[in-house]
Amino acid sequence: MKFFKISVLLIMVTAAVSMAQIAVGVQAGYANPAFEKHDAAGGAIPIGIQVGTNFLPVIEVGGEVSMTVKPFVMEEEGAPDDFEVTQTIVGVYGKYHLPMPAITPYGKVGVGYYLGGWDQGDWGDGDFDGAVGFSVGAGVNTLMGIYGEFVYHIVSRKGDWEGAKSYGYNNWGIHAGYRIEL
């Protein structure tokens, strides 16, 4: 009997997934740091891809990958070079879409693995320890496939230099993108 129940459940999940519509989106934007210990930091330019599916008409789940193509830049007092920080995020998200006709607003939450590195010119470069972080945001989808979103990332990271401490490397981003339904 247990095997029968598990088999029926697997068939139902397979049917739901096969009938679900998959959307793929590519995006680019501007990200501004809210780093702990770095007040005067310059923004970054992230690019990314999202792949999601609606299991319910208003709930979308998916995965995303995002990376900075232009790093965050900070001035360090007494340092000969700027301190640059790169970031790559591999994560999963959930979106709740408000059912509206032409423009669909949504709320978004996510969890991901944050990777990245640092470069300070003559002083050296290296990596940050990978860390699990969270994101929260909101956005809008249009019928034409264009979308925009605001996302705030919450993550604490530690550098690979001697005596490094873990600091908040939170940041927020505004992204615009285009998505297609497959």
C-alpha atoms as a PDB file:
ATOM      1  CA  MET A   1       0.000   0.000   0.000  1.00  0.00           C
ATOM      2  CA  LYS A   2       2.849   2.391   0.847  1.00  0.00           C
ATOM      3  CA  PHE A   3       4.451   1.722  -2.563  1.00  0.00           C
ATOM      4  CA  PHE A   4       1.121   2.479  -4.259  1.00  0.00           C
ATOM      5  CA  LYS A   5       0.753   5.835  -2.431  1.00  0.00           C
ATOM      6  CA  ILE A   6       4.304   6.858  -3.277  1.00  0.00           C
ATOM      7  CA  SER A   7       3.788   5.849  -6.918  1.00  0.00           C
ATOM      8  CA  VAL A   8       0.573   7.883  -7.175  1.00  0.00           C
ATOM      9  CA  LEU A   9       2.300  10.883  -5.579  1.00  0.00           C
ATOM     10  CA  LEU A  10       5.224  10.643  -8.021  1.00  0.00           C
ATOM     11  CA  ILE A  11       2.837  10.414 -10.984  1.00  0.00           C
ATOM     12  CA  MET A  12       0.919  13.478  -9.762  1.00  0.00           C
ATOM     13  CA  VAL A  13       4.098  15.513  -9.238  1.00  0.00           C
ATOM     14  CA  THR A  14       5.427  14.452 -12.659  1.00  0.00           C
ATOM     15  CA  ALA A  15       2.140  15.459 -14.295  1.00  0.00           C
ATOM     16  CA  ALA A  16       2.126  18.834 -12.512  1.00  0.00           C
ATOM     17  CA  VAL A  17       5.718  19.546 -13.535  1.00  0.00           C
ATOM     18  CA  SER A  18       5.161  18.476 -17.149  1.00  0.00           C
ATOM     19  CA  MET A  19       2.101  20.758 -17.445  1.00  0.00           C
ATOM     20  CA  ALA A  20       3.792  23.697 -15.744  1.00  0.00           C
ATOM     21  CA  GLN A  21       5.031  26.460 -17.988  1.00  0.00           C
ATOM     22  CA  ILE A  22       8.703  27.336 -17.673  1.00  0.00           C
ATOM     23  CA  ALA A  23       9.918  30.919 -17.996  1.00  0.00           C
ATOM     24  CA  VAL A  24      13.520  31.973 -18.681  1.00  0.00           C
ATOM     25  CA  GLY A  25      14.635  35.524 -18.013  1.00  0.00           C
ATOM     26  CA  VAL A  26      17.879  37.406 -18.561  1.00  0.00           C
ATOM     27  CA  GLN A  27      18.587  40.588 -16.643  1.00  0.00           C
ATOM     28  CA  ALA A  28      21.084  43.345 -16.001  1.00  0.00           C
ATOM     29  CA  GLY A  29      21.048  46.253 -13.607  1.00  0.00           C
ATOM     30  CA  TYR A  30      22.731  48.314 -10.962  1.00  0.00           C
ATOM     31  CA  ALA A  31      23.662  47.124  -7.467  1.00  0.00           C
ATOM     32  CA  ASN A  32      24.569  49.419  -4.605  1.00  0.00           C
ATOM     33  CA  PRO A  33      26.426  48.200  -1.525  1.00  0.00           C
ATOM     34  CA  ALA A  34      25.219  48.467   2.048  1.00  0.00           C
ATOM     35  CA  PHE A  35      28.474  46.957   3.309  1.00  0.00           C
ATOM     36  CA  GLU A  36      29.340  46.995   6.971  1.00  0.00           C
ATOM     37  CA  LYS A  37      32.617  48.898   7.589  1.00  0.00           C
ATOM     38  CA  HIS A  38      32.621  50.448   4.102  1.00  0.00           C
ATOM     39  CA  ASP A  39      30.594  53.638   3.937  1.00  0.00           C
ATOM     40  CA  ALA A  40      31.901  55.111   0.691  1.00  0.00           C
ATOM     41  CA  ALA A  41      31.470  52.288  -1.788  1.00  0.00           C
ATOM     42  CA  GLY A  42      30.633  52.515  -5.470  1.00  0.00           C
ATOM     43  CA  GLY A  43      27.991  50.444  -7.204  1.00  0.00           C
ATOM     44  CA  ALA A  44      28.355  47.345  -9.342  1.00  0.00           C
ATOM     45  CA  ILE A  45      26.751  46.102 -12.539  1.00  0.00           C
ATOM     46  CA  PRO A  46      25.233  42.617 -12.206  1.00  0.00           C
ATOM     47  CA  ILE A  47      23.938  40.343 -14.953  1.00  0.00           C
ATOM     48  CA  GLY A  48      21.942  37.197 -14.425  1.00  0.00           C
ATOM     49  CA  ILE A  49      19.502  34.550 -15.527  1.00  0.00           C
ATOM     50  CA  GLN A  50      16.345  33.227 -13.865  1.00  0.00           C
ATOM     51  CA  VAL A  51      14.486  30.007 -14.667  1.00  0.00           C
ATOM     52  CA  GLY A  52      11.114  29.596 -13.006  1.00  0.00           C
ATOM     53  CA  THR A  53       7.835  27.749 -13.186  1.00  0.00           C
ATOM     54  CA  ASN A  54       4.358  28.392 -11.830  1.00  0.00           C
ATOM     55  CA  PHE A  55       3.027  25.451  -9.833  1.00  0.00           C
ATOM     56  CA  LEU A  56       0.009  27.548  -8.886  1.00  0.00           C
ATOM     57  CA  PRO A  57      -1.300  30.504 -10.899  1.00  0.00           C
ATOM     58  CA  VAL A  58       0.105  33.036  -8.420  1.00  0.00           C
ATOM     59  CA  ILE A  59       3.176  31.203  -7.054  1.00  0.00           C
ATOM     60  CA  GLU A  60       6.409  30.874  -9.021  1.00  0.00           C
ATOM     61  CA  VAL A  61       9.467  28.939  -7.875  1.00  0.00           C
ATOM     62  CA  GLY A  62      12.795  28.881  -9.625  1.00  0.00           C
ATOM     63  CA  GLY A  63      16.526  29.206  -9.642  1.00  0.00           C
ATOM     64  CA  GLU A  64      18.832  32.051 -10.533  1.00  0.00           C
ATOM     65  CA  VAL A  65      22.472  32.845 -11.145  1.00  0.00           C
ATOM     66  CA  SER A  66      23.800  36.392 -10.959  1.00  0.00           C
ATOM     67  CA  MET A  67      27.288  37.862 -11.135  1.00  0.00           C
ATOM     68  CA  THR A  68      28.919  41.269 -11.152  1.00  0.00           C
ATOM     69  CA  VAL A  69      30.590  42.236 -14.420  1.00  0.00           C
ATOM     70  CA  LYS A  70      31.731  45.518 -12.861  1.00  0.00           C
ATOM     71  CA  PRO A  71      32.703  45.092  -9.185  1.00  0.00           C
ATOM     72  CA  PHE A  72      31.756  47.146  -6.147  1.00  0.00           C
ATOM     73  CA  VAL A  73      34.577  49.671  -5.554  1.00  0.00           C
ATOM     74  CA  MET A  74      35.561  51.159  -2.188  1.00  0.00           C
ATOM     75  CA  GLU A  75      38.235  53.585  -1.146  1.00  0.00           C
ATOM     76  CA  GLU A  76      40.339  52.412   1.791  1.00  0.00           C
ATOM     77  CA  GLU A  77      41.956  55.111   3.892  1.00  0.00           C
ATOM     78  CA  GLY A  78      45.744  54.827   3.632  1.00  0.00           C
ATOM     79  CA  ALA A  79      45.597  52.202   0.877  1.00  0.00           C
ATOM     80  CA  PRO A  80      47.333  52.827  -2.458  1.00  0.00           C
ATOM     81  CA  ASP A  81      44.532  51.212  -4.482  1.00  0.00           C
ATOM     82  CA  ASP A  82      40.763  50.902  -4.353  1.00  0.00           C
ATOM     83  CA  PHE A  83      39.233  47.781  -2.795  1.00  0.00           C
ATOM     84  CA  GLU A  84      37.113  45.954  -5.383  1.00  0.00           C
ATOM     85  CA  VAL A  85      34.555  43.276  -4.501  1.00  0.00           C
ATOM     86  CA  THR A  86      32.976  40.822  -6.943  1.00  0.00           C
ATOM     87  CA  GLN A  87      29.893  38.740  -6.221  1.00  0.00           C
ATOM     88  CA  THR A  88      28.300  35.644  -7.739  1.00  0.00           C
ATOM     89  CA  ILE A  89      25.009  34.270  -6.442  1.00  0.00           C
ATOM     90  CA  VAL A  90      23.569  30.824  -7.119  1.00  0.00           C
ATOM     91  CA  GLY A  91      20.150  30.554  -5.530  1.00  0.00           C
ATOM     92  CA  VAL A  92      16.510  29.568  -5.486  1.00  0.00           C
ATOM     93  CA  TYR A  93      13.545  31.889  -5.130  1.00  0.00           C
ATOM     94  CA  GLY A  94       9.815  32.040  -4.675  1.00  0.00           C
ATOM     95  CA  LYS A  95       7.563  34.759  -6.090  1.00  0.00           C
ATOM     96  CA  TYR A  96       3.970  35.590  -5.210  1.00  0.00           C
ATOM     97  CA  HIS A  97       2.272  37.275  -8.186  1.00  0.00           C
ATOM     98  CA  LEU A  98      -0.712  39.536  -7.629  1.00  0.00           C
ATOM     99  CA  PRO A  99      -3.325  38.531 -10.216  1.00  0.00           C
ATOM    100  CA  MET A 100      -3.686  41.678 -12.335  1.00  0.00           C
ATOM    101  CA  PRO A 101      -4.285  41.881 -16.100  1.00  0.00           C
ATOM    102  CA  ALA A 102      -1.520  43.813 -17.941  1.00  0.00           C
ATOM    103  CA  ILE A 103       1.174  44.417 -15.324  1.00  0.00           C
ATOM    104  CA  THR A 104       1.714  41.755 -12.673  1.00  0.00           C
ATOM    105  CA  PRO A 105       3.403  42.932  -9.457  1.00  0.00           C
ATOM    106  CA  TYR A 106       5.105  40.327  -7.290  1.00  0.00           C
ATOM    107  CA  GLY A 107       6.941  39.844  -4.032  1.00  0.00           C
ATOM    108  CA  LYS A 108      10.091  37.726  -3.980  1.00  0.00           C
ATOM    109  CA  VAL A 109      12.116  35.844  -1.353  1.00  0.00           C
ATOM    110  CA  GLY A 110      15.173  33.715  -1.932  1.00  0.00           C
ATOM    111  CA  VAL A 111      18.114  31.886  -0.484  1.00  0.00           C
ATOM    112  CA  GLY A 112      21.438  31.396  -2.191  1.00  0.00           C
ATOM    113  CA  TYR A 113      25.115  30.654  -1.998  1.00  0.00           C
ATOM    114  CA  TYR A 114      27.203  33.826  -2.331  1.00  0.00           C
ATOM    115  CA  LEU A 115      30.693  33.604  -3.811  1.00  0.00           C
ATOM    116  CA  GLY A 116      33.148  36.275  -4.817  1.00  0.00           C
ATOM    117  CA  GLY A 117      36.513  37.808  -4.480  1.00  0.00           C
ATOM    118  CA  TRP A 118      38.418  40.963  -3.712  1.00  0.00           C
ATOM    119  CA  ASP A 119      41.227  42.853  -5.387  1.00  0.00           C
ATOM    120  CA  GLN A 120      43.284  45.689  -3.956  1.00  0.00           C
ATOM    121  CA  GLY A 121      45.877  46.228  -6.635  1.00  0.00           C
ATOM    122  CA  ASP A 122      49.413  46.077  -5.224  1.00  0.00           C
ATOM    123  CA  TRP A 123      48.131  44.873  -1.849  1.00  0.00           C
ATOM    124  CA  GLY A 124      46.874  41.635  -3.368  1.00  0.00           C
ATOM    125  CA  ASP A 125      43.708  39.813  -4.201  1.00  0.00           C
ATOM    126  CA  GLY A 126      41.810  36.742  -3.084  1.00  0.00           C
ATOM    127  CA  ASP A 127      38.460  35.162  -2.415  1.00  0.00           C
ATOM    128  CA  PHE A 128      35.757  35.492   0.173  1.00  0.00           C
ATOM    129  CA  ASP A 129      34.607  32.349   1.917  1.00  0.00           C
ATOM    130  CA  GLY A 130      31.361  31.174   0.323  1.00  0.00           C
ATOM    131  CA  ALA A 131      28.312  31.921   2.462  1.00  0.00           C
ATOM    132  CA  VAL A 132      24.584  31.289   2.536  1.00  0.00           C
ATOM    133  CA  GLY A 133      22.572  34.474   2.244  1.00  0.00           C
ATOM    134  CA  PHE A 134      19.004  35.618   1.769  1.00  0.00           C
ATOM    135  CA  SER A 135      17.176  38.016  -0.512  1.00  0.00           C
ATOM    136  CA  VAL A 136      13.865  39.824  -0.421  1.00  0.00           C
ATOM    137  CA  GLY A 137      12.377  41.975  -3.128  1.00  0.00           C
ATOM    138  CA  ALA A 138       9.528  43.081  -5.332  1.00  0.00           C
ATOM    139  CA  GLY A 139       8.992  43.538  -9.030  1.00  0.00           C
ATOM    140  CA  VAL A 140       6.618  43.707 -11.968  1.00  0.00           C
ATOM    141  CA  ASN A 141       6.134  41.536 -15.062  1.00  0.00           C
ATOM    142  CA  THR A 142       4.543  42.879 -18.244  1.00  0.00           C
ATOM    143  CA  LEU A 143       2.670  41.036 -20.976  1.00  0.00           C
ATOM    144  CA  MET A 144       5.491  41.925 -23.389  1.00  0.00           C
ATOM    145  CA  GLY A 145       7.997  39.888 -21.349  1.00  0.00           C
ATOM    146  CA  ILE A 146       9.822  42.897 -19.899  1.00  0.00           C
ATOM    147  CA  TYR A 147      10.254  42.846 -16.136  1.00  0.00           C
ATOM    148  CA  GLY A 148      11.883  44.893 -13.433  1.00  0.00           C
ATOM    149  CA  GLU A 149      12.699  44.111  -9.835  1.00  0.00           C
ATOM    150  CA  PHE A 150      14.260  45.480  -6.690  1.00  0.00           C
ATOM    151  CA  VAL A 151      16.157  42.948  -4.531  1.00  0.00           C
ATOM    152  CA  TYR A 152      17.929  43.363  -1.176  1.00  0.00           C
ATOM    153  CA  HIS A 153      20.618  40.755  -0.422  1.00  0.00           C
ATOM    154  CA  ILE A 154      21.539  39.894   3.167  1.00  0.00           C
ATOM    155  CA  VAL A 155      24.856  38.062   3.546  1.00  0.00           C
ATOM    156  CA  SER A 156      27.842  38.016   5.882  1.00  0.00           C
ATOM    157  CA  ARG A 157      31.208  37.110   4.348  1.00  0.00           C
ATOM    158  CA  LYS A 158      34.774  36.605   5.484  1.00  0.00           C
ATOM    159  CA  GLY A 159      37.899  37.310   3.434  1.00  0.00           C
ATOM    160  CA  ASP A 160      40.768  34.889   3.000  1.00  0.00           C
ATOM    161  CA  TRP A 161      43.457  37.202   4.388  1.00  0.00           C
ATOM    162  CA  GLU A 162      45.112  36.664   7.752  1.00  0.00           C
ATOM    163  CA  GLY A 163      43.034  37.923  10.671  1.00  0.00           C
ATOM    164  CA  ALA A 164      39.944  38.454   8.497  1.00  0.00           C
ATOM    165  CA  LYS A 165      36.646  38.902  10.292  1.00  0.00           C
ATOM    166  CA  SER A 166      33.167  38.265   8.974  1.00  0.00           C
ATOM    167  CA  TYR A 167      31.306  41.420   7.940  1.00  0.00           C
ATOM    168  CA  GLY A 168      27.962  42.180   6.401  1.00  0.00           C
ATOM    169  CA  TYR A 169      28.221  42.516   2.627  1.00  0.00           C
ATOM    170  CA  ASN A 170      24.556  43.346   2.124  1.00  0.00           C
ATOM    171  CA  ASN A 171      23.601  45.075  -1.092  1.00  0.00           C
ATOM    172  CA  TRP A 172      20.559  46.047  -3.096  1.00  0.00           C
ATOM    173  CA  GLY A 173      19.946  45.944  -6.798  1.00  0.00           C
ATOM    174  CA  ILE A 174      17.561  47.251  -9.406  1.00  0.00           C
ATOM    175  CA  HIS A 175      17.299  44.923 -12.384  1.00  0.00           C
ATOM    176  CA  ALA A 176      15.532  45.063 -15.731  1.00  0.00           C
ATOM    177  CA  GLY A 177      15.124  42.016 -17.874  1.00  0.00           C
ATOM    178  CA  TYR A 178      13.305  40.116 -20.540  1.00  0.00           C
ATOM    179  CA  ARG A 179      11.648  36.736 -20.024  1.00  0.00           C
ATOM    180  CA  ILE A 180      10.127  34.227 -22.382  1.00  0.00           C
ATOM    181  CA  GLU A 181       7.708  31.428 -21.656  1.00  0.00           C
ATOM    182  CA  LEU A 182       8.790  28.058 -23.025  1.00  0.00           C
END
